[in-house]
Amino acid sequence: MIPELFVTKDGQTINIDAFKGLNFTGLTTQSPQSITNYQSNKIRDGSVQNGPILFGSRTVTADFYFDGEDVYDYKLACQDIWRLLFSREPITLRESQMPGLNMEVIAKPFDVTRLNWHEMTFSVEFDMPSGYRHSLVKSDRLQFIYDEELSQIGMNLPNGEDLAYRFKQTRFKVYNPSDVVIDPYWQKHDLDIIIKGQGTPMITNLTNNYGIALNRALTANDMLVWNGVRPLLNGTTCERATNHGHIQLEKGWNDISVTGLTNIDITFSFPFLYL
C-alpha cells in the first residue's frame, strides 16, 4: 500500500499527495527520549535515579520526492511546501499506516536535493515537543473501537470489547489504553471530567485513591467540569468550594466510585497518549 501523509493546519486537513507531482515516501519517528536525573555518592558505586524518568521531545522525519513538468513547477512546489509545513503554531501529522495517531510537530529548516531541472528529493525533520503521539479523537468521541478513521491495531484497545466514557451509575470502570498514566497534575495531561446531576458529588478512583469533591450542591441546570486540576462550575472557577483534588488515571482499568449525586451523568474526556 502506498503511504499517505495528512497534514492538519488551521483546522484543515490536507493529503500531501494532493499537491501535483509531490510524493510522500515514508515517515520515521525517533524513539522515546528518556530524561534522567542521576545522583551519585562518593562512597558508593554507580548512581541512583532521582525522581521519575521523564520523556523528552523527539523528532519525526518525512521523506518526499517531487517530479514536476518544468522549472516553474519546481519553483512553485517549493513555495507551496513551505507554506504548508511552516506555521506560527504546531501542525499535526498523521500517516495512513498509523491512521489512529496524531503528532503535533514543528517543521525544521531543510534543504532539497535537485536531481535535474524538474525533479527533487528532500527530507523534512520535525520537532515533536510533547514526546507523545495522540489518539485522533478524545475518549468520549471514540464510537467504534475498530473504525479505521479513529483507531488502529497497537493502541492497546481491548479486543472485541466496547469502551464507554459516559456513565450514569455510581460505580463504573474507565479504561486508559495509553502507554502512560494520565496525570493532569504533574504532567499537565489533558483530562476533562464533565459532571451533571443533583447533590454534592464526590468522585474517587478506587484504583489509586485520587478523588475530587464539590462542597456545594449541584442542581439539574448545573454543569461541573474538572478541567485537569481546575474545577469550573457553569464556566466559572469554583476551587474554593472543592477539596482541591484531581483524578489520575492509571494504565488499564480504573475503578471509579461516585457518591452524593443523583441523576448521574459523568463523562471522562481525554486523548490517549502513546510513546
C-alpha atoms as a PDB file:
ATOM      1  CA  MET A   1       0.000   0.000   0.000  1.00  0.00           C
ATOM      2  CA  ILE A   2       1.355   3.419  -0.976  1.00  0.00           C
ATOM      3  CA  PRO A   3       1.824   5.528   2.183  1.00  0.00           C
ATOM      4  CA  GLU A   4      -0.066   8.784   2.563  1.00  0.00           C
ATOM      5  CA  LEU A   5       0.629  11.742   4.837  1.00  0.00           C
ATOM      6  CA  PHE A   6      -2.111  14.006   6.176  1.00  0.00           C
ATOM      7  CA  VAL A   7      -1.254  17.483   7.434  1.00  0.00           C
ATOM      8  CA  THR A   8      -3.684  19.443   9.633  1.00  0.00           C
ATOM      9  CA  LYS A   9      -3.124  23.176   9.777  1.00  0.00           C
ATOM     10  CA  ASP A  10      -5.516  26.000  10.690  1.00  0.00           C
ATOM     11  CA  GLY A  11      -8.317  23.460  11.133  1.00  0.00           C
ATOM     12  CA  GLN A  12      -7.965  21.980   7.646  1.00  0.00           C
ATOM     13  CA  THR A  13      -6.605  18.503   6.841  1.00  0.00           C
ATOM     14  CA  ILE A  14      -4.737  18.030   3.557  1.00  0.00           C
ATOM     15  CA  ASN A  15      -3.445  14.845   1.949  1.00  0.00           C
ATOM     16  CA  ILE A  16       0.013  15.968   0.931  1.00  0.00           C
ATOM     17  CA  ASP A  17      -0.158  13.819  -2.219  1.00  0.00           C
ATOM     18  CA  ALA A  18      -2.866  16.188  -3.443  1.00  0.00           C
ATOM     19  CA  PHE A  19      -0.062  18.531  -4.474  1.00  0.00           C
ATOM     20  CA  LYS A  20       0.658  17.821  -8.135  1.00  0.00           C
ATOM     21  CA  GLY A  21       3.925  15.954  -8.563  1.00  0.00           C
ATOM     22  CA  LEU A  22       4.642  15.610  -4.833  1.00  0.00           C
ATOM     23  CA  ASN A  23       5.006  12.086  -3.454  1.00  0.00           C
ATOM     24  CA  PHE A  24       5.341  11.139   0.218  1.00  0.00           C
ATOM     25  CA  THR A  25       7.650   8.127   0.534  1.00  0.00           C
ATOM     26  CA  GLY A  26       7.866   7.438   4.265  1.00  0.00           C
ATOM     27  CA  LEU A  27       7.849   8.641   7.877  1.00  0.00           C
ATOM     28  CA  THR A  28      10.390   7.818  10.569  1.00  0.00           C
ATOM     29  CA  THR A  29       9.650   8.518  14.238  1.00  0.00           C
ATOM     30  CA  GLN A  30      12.554   8.781  16.651  1.00  0.00           C
ATOM     31  CA  SER A  31      12.394   6.500  19.670  1.00  0.00           C
ATOM     32  CA  PRO A  32      11.256   7.927  23.045  1.00  0.00           C
ATOM     33  CA  GLN A  33      13.889  10.133  24.669  1.00  0.00           C
ATOM     34  CA  SER A  34      14.429   9.391  28.364  1.00  0.00           C
ATOM     35  CA  ILE A  35      15.458  12.296  30.591  1.00  0.00           C
ATOM     36  CA  THR A  36      17.290  11.117  33.690  1.00  0.00           C
ATOM     37  CA  ASN A  37      18.435  12.793  36.891  1.00  0.00           C
ATOM     38  CA  TYR A  38      21.203  10.624  38.311  1.00  0.00           C
ATOM     39  CA  GLN A  39      22.593  11.178  41.789  1.00  0.00           C
ATOM     40  CA  SER A  40      25.935   9.677  42.743  1.00  0.00           C
ATOM     41  CA  ASN A  41      27.625   9.092  46.072  1.00  0.00           C
ATOM     42  CA  LYS A  42      31.375   9.391  46.614  1.00  0.00           C
ATOM     43  CA  ILE A  43      31.482   6.195  48.673  1.00  0.00           C
ATOM     44  CA  ARG A  44      29.057   4.067  46.599  1.00  0.00           C
ATOM     45  CA  ASP A  45      29.380   2.567  43.137  1.00  0.00           C
ATOM     46  CA  GLY A  46      27.047   3.671  40.386  1.00  0.00           C
ATOM     47  CA  SER A  47      24.260   6.241  40.522  1.00  0.00           C
ATOM     48  CA  VAL A  48      20.634   6.400  41.634  1.00  0.00           C
ATOM     49  CA  GLN A  49      17.838   7.899  39.556  1.00  0.00           C
ATOM     50  CA  ASN A  50      16.399  10.845  41.493  1.00  0.00           C
ATOM     51  CA  GLY A  51      12.631  11.194  40.882  1.00  0.00           C
ATOM     52  CA  PRO A  52      10.714   9.846  37.886  1.00  0.00           C
ATOM     53  CA  ILE A  53      12.304   9.305  34.485  1.00  0.00           C
ATOM     54  CA  LEU A  54      10.776  11.867  32.113  1.00  0.00           C
ATOM     55  CA  PHE A  55      10.151  11.661  28.370  1.00  0.00           C
ATOM     56  CA  GLY A  56      11.599  14.492  26.332  1.00  0.00           C
ATOM     57  CA  SER A  57      10.786  15.890  22.928  1.00  0.00           C
ATOM     58  CA  ARG A  58      11.798  13.879  19.870  1.00  0.00           C
ATOM     59  CA  THR A  59      11.883  14.172  16.115  1.00  0.00           C
ATOM     60  CA  VAL A  60       9.859  12.885  13.176  1.00  0.00           C
ATOM     61  CA  THR A  61      11.276  12.755   9.652  1.00  0.00           C
ATOM     62  CA  ALA A  62       9.160  12.733   6.484  1.00  0.00           C
ATOM     63  CA  ASP A  63      10.709  11.846   3.104  1.00  0.00           C
ATOM     64  CA  PHE A  64       9.453  13.216  -0.229  1.00  0.00           C
ATOM     65  CA  TYR A  65      10.053  13.001  -3.963  1.00  0.00           C
ATOM     66  CA  PHE A  66       8.864  15.663  -6.410  1.00  0.00           C
ATOM     67  CA  ASP A  67       8.532  15.322 -10.173  1.00  0.00           C
ATOM     68  CA  GLY A  68       7.253  18.401 -11.993  1.00  0.00           C
ATOM     69  CA  GLU A  69       6.756  19.282 -15.622  1.00  0.00           C
ATOM     70  CA  ASP A  70       9.184  22.170 -15.815  1.00  0.00           C
ATOM     71  CA  VAL A  71      11.324  24.537 -13.780  1.00  0.00           C
ATOM     72  CA  TYR A  72       8.289  26.642 -12.917  1.00  0.00           C
ATOM     73  CA  ASP A  73       6.598  23.623 -11.304  1.00  0.00           C
ATOM     74  CA  TYR A  74       9.736  23.169  -9.234  1.00  0.00           C
ATOM     75  CA  LYS A  75       9.740  26.764  -8.007  1.00  0.00           C
ATOM     76  CA  LEU A  76       6.019  26.769  -7.232  1.00  0.00           C
ATOM     77  CA  ALA A  77       6.295  23.432  -5.413  1.00  0.00           C
ATOM     78  CA  CYS A  78       8.965  24.815  -3.090  1.00  0.00           C
ATOM     79  CA  GLN A  79       6.714  27.733  -2.218  1.00  0.00           C
ATOM     80  CA  ASP A  80       3.657  25.515  -1.645  1.00  0.00           C
ATOM     81  CA  ILE A  81       5.611  23.139   0.591  1.00  0.00           C
ATOM     82  CA  TRP A  82       6.991  25.973   2.711  1.00  0.00           C
ATOM     83  CA  ARG A  83       3.514  27.486   3.009  1.00  0.00           C
ATOM     84  CA  LEU A  84       2.037  24.164   4.136  1.00  0.00           C
ATOM     85  CA  LEU A  85       4.669  22.986   6.603  1.00  0.00           C
ATOM     86  CA  PHE A  86       5.758  26.195   8.319  1.00  0.00           C
ATOM     87  CA  SER A  87       3.423  27.970  10.732  1.00  0.00           C
ATOM     88  CA  ARG A  88       3.359  30.097  13.865  1.00  0.00           C
ATOM     89  CA  GLU A  89       1.515  27.226  15.579  1.00  0.00           C
ATOM     90  CA  PRO A  90       2.334  23.488  15.643  1.00  0.00           C
ATOM     91  CA  ILE A  91       0.824  21.486  12.805  1.00  0.00           C
ATOM     92  CA  THR A  92      -0.437  17.906  13.022  1.00  0.00           C
ATOM     93  CA  LEU A  93       0.860  14.927  11.044  1.00  0.00           C
ATOM     94  CA  ARG A  94      -0.911  11.598  10.519  1.00  0.00           C
ATOM     95  CA  GLU A  95       0.218   8.787   8.233  1.00  0.00           C
ATOM     96  CA  SER A  96      -2.035   6.231   6.554  1.00  0.00           C
ATOM     97  CA  GLN A  97      -0.088   3.319   8.027  1.00  0.00           C
ATOM     98  CA  MET A  98      -0.852   4.572  11.571  1.00  0.00           C
ATOM     99  CA  PRO A  99      -4.234   6.248  10.957  1.00  0.00           C
ATOM    100  CA  GLY A 100      -5.393   6.460  14.566  1.00  0.00           C
ATOM    101  CA  LEU A 101      -2.477   8.552  15.849  1.00  0.00           C
ATOM    102  CA  ASN A 102      -1.731  12.263  15.529  1.00  0.00           C
ATOM    103  CA  MET A 103       1.591  14.002  16.104  1.00  0.00           C
ATOM    104  CA  GLU A 104       1.803  17.719  16.882  1.00  0.00           C
ATOM    105  CA  VAL A 105       5.024  18.925  15.295  1.00  0.00           C
ATOM    106  CA  ILE A 106       7.077  21.950  14.250  1.00  0.00           C
ATOM    107  CA  ALA A 107       8.985  21.857  10.955  1.00  0.00           C
ATOM    108  CA  LYS A 108      12.731  22.487  10.984  1.00  0.00           C
ATOM    109  CA  PRO A 109      14.702  24.077   8.139  1.00  0.00           C
ATOM    110  CA  PHE A 110      15.538  21.656   5.337  1.00  0.00           C
ATOM    111  CA  ASP A 111      17.394  21.535   2.018  1.00  0.00           C
ATOM    112  CA  VAL A 112      16.401  19.776  -1.199  1.00  0.00           C
ATOM    113  CA  THR A 113      18.498  17.568  -3.456  1.00  0.00           C
ATOM    114  CA  ARG A 114      17.822  18.646  -7.007  1.00  0.00           C
ATOM    115  CA  LEU A 115      18.070  15.661  -9.345  1.00  0.00           C
ATOM    116  CA  ASN A 116      17.561  17.709 -12.517  1.00  0.00           C
ATOM    117  CA  TRP A 117      15.588  20.749 -13.649  1.00  0.00           C
ATOM    118  CA  HIS A 118      12.201  19.341 -12.597  1.00  0.00           C
ATOM    119  CA  GLU A 119      12.892  16.593 -10.007  1.00  0.00           C
ATOM    120  CA  MET A 120      13.996  16.772  -6.390  1.00  0.00           C
ATOM    121  CA  THR A 121      14.087  14.736  -3.192  1.00  0.00           C
ATOM    122  CA  PHE A 122      14.029  16.116   0.311  1.00  0.00           C
ATOM    123  CA  SER A 123      13.513  15.101   3.923  1.00  0.00           C
ATOM    124  CA  VAL A 124      11.795  17.304   6.486  1.00  0.00           C
ATOM    125  CA  GLU A 125      12.646  16.856  10.155  1.00  0.00           C
ATOM    126  CA  PHE A 126      10.016  17.930  12.649  1.00  0.00           C
ATOM    127  CA  ASP A 127      10.283  18.528  16.383  1.00  0.00           C
ATOM    128  CA  MET A 128       7.581  16.757  18.411  1.00  0.00           C
ATOM    129  CA  PRO A 129       7.704  18.813  21.650  1.00  0.00           C
ATOM    130  CA  SER A 130       5.327  16.717  23.769  1.00  0.00           C
ATOM    131  CA  GLY A 131       7.163  13.475  23.040  1.00  0.00           C
ATOM    132  CA  TYR A 132       3.789  11.729  22.649  1.00  0.00           C
ATOM    133  CA  ARG A 133       1.621  10.594  19.779  1.00  0.00           C
ATOM    134  CA  HIS A 134      -2.074  11.251  20.459  1.00  0.00           C
ATOM    135  CA  SER A 135      -5.247   9.407  19.554  1.00  0.00           C
ATOM    136  CA  LEU A 136      -7.076  11.003  16.646  1.00  0.00           C
ATOM    137  CA  VAL A 137     -10.056  11.824  18.869  1.00  0.00           C
ATOM    138  CA  LYS A 138     -10.637  12.068  22.610  1.00  0.00           C
ATOM    139  CA  SER A 139     -12.100   9.158  24.550  1.00  0.00           C
ATOM    140  CA  ASP A 140     -15.713  10.370  24.549  1.00  0.00           C
ATOM    141  CA  ARG A 141     -15.721  10.625  20.731  1.00  0.00           C
ATOM    142  CA  LEU A 142     -14.463   7.087  20.194  1.00  0.00           C
ATOM    143  CA  GLN A 143     -17.700   5.471  18.950  1.00  0.00           C
ATOM    144  CA  PHE A 144     -16.386   2.315  17.333  1.00  0.00           C
ATOM    145  CA  ILE A 145     -13.204   0.697  18.548  1.00  0.00           C
ATOM    146  CA  TYR A 146     -12.115  -0.577  15.153  1.00  0.00           C
ATOM    147  CA  ASP A 147     -13.295   2.320  12.992  1.00  0.00           C
ATOM    148  CA  GLU A 148     -10.311   2.819  10.690  1.00  0.00           C
ATOM    149  CA  GLU A 149     -10.689   6.585  10.947  1.00  0.00           C
ATOM    150  CA  LEU A 150     -10.452   6.584  14.749  1.00  0.00           C
ATOM    151  CA  SER A 151      -8.318   3.679  15.864  1.00  0.00           C
ATOM    152  CA  GLN A 152      -5.885   1.006  14.822  1.00  0.00           C
ATOM    153  CA  ILE A 153      -4.021  -2.058  15.976  1.00  0.00           C
ATOM    154  CA  GLY A 154      -1.375  -1.094  18.517  1.00  0.00           C
ATOM    155  CA  MET A 155      -3.478   1.367  20.518  1.00  0.00           C
ATOM    156  CA  ASN A 156      -3.872  -1.113  23.416  1.00  0.00           C
ATOM    157  CA  LEU A 157      -7.652  -1.276  22.927  1.00  0.00           C
ATOM    158  CA  PRO A 158      -9.238  -4.417  24.425  1.00  0.00           C
ATOM    159  CA  ASN A 159     -10.113  -6.923  21.725  1.00  0.00           C
ATOM    160  CA  GLY A 160     -13.828  -7.082  20.903  1.00  0.00           C
ATOM    161  CA  GLU A 161     -14.884  -5.001  23.910  1.00  0.00           C
ATOM    162  CA  ASP A 162     -16.805  -1.748  23.599  1.00  0.00           C
ATOM    163  CA  LEU A 163     -15.438   1.090  25.691  1.00  0.00           C
ATOM    164  CA  ALA A 164     -17.689   3.614  27.434  1.00  0.00           C
ATOM    165  CA  TYR A 165     -16.626   7.033  28.702  1.00  0.00           C
ATOM    166  CA  ARG A 166     -20.047   8.409  29.638  1.00  0.00           C
ATOM    167  CA  PHE A 167     -21.702   6.947  32.726  1.00  0.00           C
ATOM    168  CA  LYS A 168     -24.973   7.190  34.640  1.00  0.00           C
ATOM    169  CA  GLN A 169     -24.212   4.851  37.535  1.00  0.00           C
ATOM    170  CA  THR A 170     -22.481   5.192  40.923  1.00  0.00           C
ATOM    171  CA  ARG A 171     -19.795   2.606  40.111  1.00  0.00           C
ATOM    172  CA  PHE A 172     -18.070   2.109  36.799  1.00  0.00           C
ATOM    173  CA  LYS A 173     -14.717   1.486  35.155  1.00  0.00           C
ATOM    174  CA  VAL A 174     -12.715   3.825  32.927  1.00  0.00           C
ATOM    175  CA  TYR A 175     -10.161   2.302  30.571  1.00  0.00           C
ATOM    176  CA  ASN A 176      -6.919   4.145  29.843  1.00  0.00           C
ATOM    177  CA  PRO A 177      -5.182   2.457  26.883  1.00  0.00           C
ATOM    178  CA  SER A 178      -2.318   4.965  26.913  1.00  0.00           C
ATOM    179  CA  ASP A 179       1.320   3.985  27.323  1.00  0.00           C
ATOM    180  CA  VAL A 180       1.465   6.315  30.339  1.00  0.00           C
ATOM    181  CA  VAL A 181      -0.607   7.282  33.364  1.00  0.00           C
ATOM    182  CA  ILE A 182      -2.918  10.222  32.602  1.00  0.00           C
ATOM    183  CA  ASP A 183      -1.637  12.748  35.142  1.00  0.00           C
ATOM    184  CA  PRO A 184      -3.152  16.248  34.926  1.00  0.00           C
ATOM    185  CA  TYR A 185      -1.243  17.488  37.985  1.00  0.00           C
ATOM    186  CA  TRP A 186       2.451  16.790  37.455  1.00  0.00           C
ATOM    187  CA  GLN A 187       2.430  16.142  33.709  1.00  0.00           C
ATOM    188  CA  LYS A 188      -0.369  18.601  32.795  1.00  0.00           C
ATOM    189  CA  HIS A 189      -2.120  15.925  30.726  1.00  0.00           C
ATOM    190  CA  ASP A 190      -5.439  16.801  29.119  1.00  0.00           C
ATOM    191  CA  LEU A 191      -8.333  15.341  31.161  1.00  0.00           C
ATOM    192  CA  ASP A 192     -11.856  16.753  31.403  1.00  0.00           C
ATOM    193  CA  ILE A 193     -14.410  15.227  33.764  1.00  0.00           C
ATOM    194  CA  ILE A 194     -17.861  16.600  32.939  1.00  0.00           C
ATOM    195  CA  ILE A 195     -20.362  16.173  35.775  1.00  0.00           C
ATOM    196  CA  LYS A 196     -24.127  16.672  35.801  1.00  0.00           C
ATOM    197  CA  GLY A 197     -26.709  15.673  38.411  1.00  0.00           C
ATOM    198  CA  GLN A 198     -28.151  16.756  41.732  1.00  0.00           C
ATOM    199  CA  GLY A 199     -26.282  16.781  45.032  1.00  0.00           C
ATOM    200  CA  THR A 200     -22.732  17.242  46.315  1.00  0.00           C
ATOM    201  CA  PRO A 201     -20.567  14.967  44.167  1.00  0.00           C
ATOM    202  CA  MET A 202     -17.536  13.050  45.305  1.00  0.00           C
ATOM    203  CA  ILE A 203     -15.729  11.016  42.633  1.00  0.00           C
ATOM    204  CA  THR A 204     -12.968   8.629  43.689  1.00  0.00           C
ATOM    205  CA  ASN A 205     -10.639   6.480  41.631  1.00  0.00           C
ATOM    206  CA  LEU A 206     -10.517   3.435  43.891  1.00  0.00           C
ATOM    207  CA  THR A 207      -7.586   2.072  41.898  1.00  0.00           C
ATOM    208  CA  ASN A 208      -5.222   4.762  43.205  1.00  0.00           C
ATOM    209  CA  ASN A 209      -7.341   6.746  45.752  1.00  0.00           C
ATOM    210  CA  TYR A 210      -7.229  10.032  43.819  1.00  0.00           C
ATOM    211  CA  GLY A 211     -10.514  11.907  44.136  1.00  0.00           C
ATOM    212  CA  ILE A 212     -12.434  15.124  43.552  1.00  0.00           C
ATOM    213  CA  ALA A 213     -15.301  16.598  45.555  1.00  0.00           C
ATOM    214  CA  LEU A 214     -17.553  19.657  45.387  1.00  0.00           C
ATOM    215  CA  ASN A 215     -18.662  21.015  48.772  1.00  0.00           C
ATOM    216  CA  ARG A 216     -21.847  22.630  47.476  1.00  0.00           C
ATOM    217  CA  ALA A 217     -24.907  21.122  45.834  1.00  0.00           C
ATOM    218  CA  LEU A 218     -25.391  20.875  42.085  1.00  0.00           C
ATOM    219  CA  THR A 219     -28.852  21.456  40.629  1.00  0.00           C
ATOM    220  CA  ALA A 220     -30.348  19.962  37.473  1.00  0.00           C
ATOM    221  CA  ASN A 221     -29.248  23.023  35.488  1.00  0.00           C
ATOM    222  CA  ASP A 222     -25.617  22.990  36.641  1.00  0.00           C
ATOM    223  CA  MET A 223     -22.583  21.590  34.876  1.00  0.00           C
ATOM    224  CA  LEU A 224     -19.329  20.973  36.712  1.00  0.00           C
ATOM    225  CA  VAL A 225     -16.202  20.459  34.594  1.00  0.00           C
ATOM    226  CA  TRP A 226     -12.969  19.320  36.214  1.00  0.00           C
ATOM    227  CA  ASN A 227     -10.528  20.614  33.615  1.00  0.00           C
ATOM    228  CA  GLY A 228      -7.349  18.839  34.694  1.00  0.00           C
ATOM    229  CA  VAL A 229      -6.861  20.290  38.176  1.00  0.00           C
ATOM    230  CA  ARG A 230      -9.126  23.293  37.620  1.00  0.00           C
ATOM    231  CA  PRO A 231     -12.820  22.943  38.589  1.00  0.00           C
ATOM    232  CA  LEU A 232     -15.332  25.084  36.685  1.00  0.00           C
ATOM    233  CA  LEU A 233     -18.973  25.380  37.722  1.00  0.00           C
ATOM    234  CA  ASN A 234     -21.027  26.656  34.785  1.00  0.00           C
ATOM    235  CA  GLY A 235     -17.834  28.071  33.311  1.00  0.00           C
ATOM    236  CA  THR A 236     -16.692  29.886  36.465  1.00  0.00           C
ATOM    237  CA  THR A 237     -13.842  28.721  38.665  1.00  0.00           C
ATOM    238  CA  CYS A 238     -15.049  27.213  41.955  1.00  0.00           C
ATOM    239  CA  GLU A 239     -11.870  25.869  43.504  1.00  0.00           C
ATOM    240  CA  ARG A 240     -12.681  27.268  46.954  1.00  0.00           C
ATOM    241  CA  ALA A 241     -15.757  25.038  47.080  1.00  0.00           C
ATOM    242  CA  THR A 242     -13.782  21.849  46.365  1.00  0.00           C
ATOM    243  CA  ASN A 243     -11.333  19.514  48.048  1.00  0.00           C
ATOM    244  CA  HIS A 244      -8.559  20.860  45.739  1.00  0.00           C
ATOM    245  CA  GLY A 245      -8.146  17.344  44.392  1.00  0.00           C
ATOM    246  CA  HIS A 246      -7.751  15.787  40.973  1.00  0.00           C
ATOM    247  CA  ILE A 247      -8.239  12.443  39.253  1.00  0.00           C
ATOM    248  CA  GLN A 248      -5.328  10.452  37.871  1.00  0.00           C
ATOM    249  CA  LEU A 249      -5.979   7.529  35.511  1.00  0.00           C
ATOM    250  CA  GLU A 250      -3.690   4.522  35.764  1.00  0.00           C
ATOM    251  CA  LYS A 251      -2.841   2.462  32.708  1.00  0.00           C
ATOM    252  CA  GLY A 252      -5.602  -0.039  32.004  1.00  0.00           C
ATOM    253  CA  TRP A 253      -8.837  -0.232  34.002  1.00  0.00           C
ATOM    254  CA  ASN A 254      -9.686   2.324  36.715  1.00  0.00           C
ATOM    255  CA  ASP A 255     -12.447   1.558  39.222  1.00  0.00           C
ATOM    256  CA  ILE A 256     -14.474   4.757  39.795  1.00  0.00           C
ATOM    257  CA  SER A 257     -16.952   5.408  42.620  1.00  0.00           C
ATOM    258  CA  VAL A 258     -19.490   8.265  42.778  1.00  0.00           C
ATOM    259  CA  THR A 259     -21.249   9.348  45.974  1.00  0.00           C
ATOM    260  CA  GLY A 260     -23.510  12.244  46.924  1.00  0.00           C
ATOM    261  CA  LEU A 261     -25.043  12.590  43.465  1.00  0.00           C
ATOM    262  CA  THR A 262     -28.337  11.511  41.881  1.00  0.00           C
ATOM    263  CA  ASN A 263     -29.386  11.582  38.209  1.00  0.00           C
ATOM    264  CA  ILE A 264     -25.745  10.988  37.396  1.00  0.00           C
ATOM    265  CA  ASP A 265     -24.299  11.938  34.021  1.00  0.00           C
ATOM    266  CA  ILE A 266     -20.473  11.859  34.015  1.00  0.00           C
ATOM    267  CA  THR A 267     -18.115  11.948  31.027  1.00  0.00           C
ATOM    268  CA  PHE A 268     -14.374  11.287  31.007  1.00  0.00           C
ATOM    269  CA  SER A 269     -12.783  13.058  28.053  1.00  0.00           C
ATOM    270  CA  PHE A 270      -9.058  12.687  27.315  1.00  0.00           C
ATOM    271  CA  PRO A 271      -6.752  11.834  24.418  1.00  0.00           C
ATOM    272  CA  PHE A 272      -4.901   8.542  24.538  1.00  0.00           C
ATOM    273  CA  LEU A 273      -1.123   9.070  24.729  1.00  0.00           C
ATOM    274  CA  TYR A 274       1.448   6.791  23.094  1.00  0.00           C
ATOM    275  CA  LEU A 275       5.235   6.722  23.101  1.00  0.00           C
END
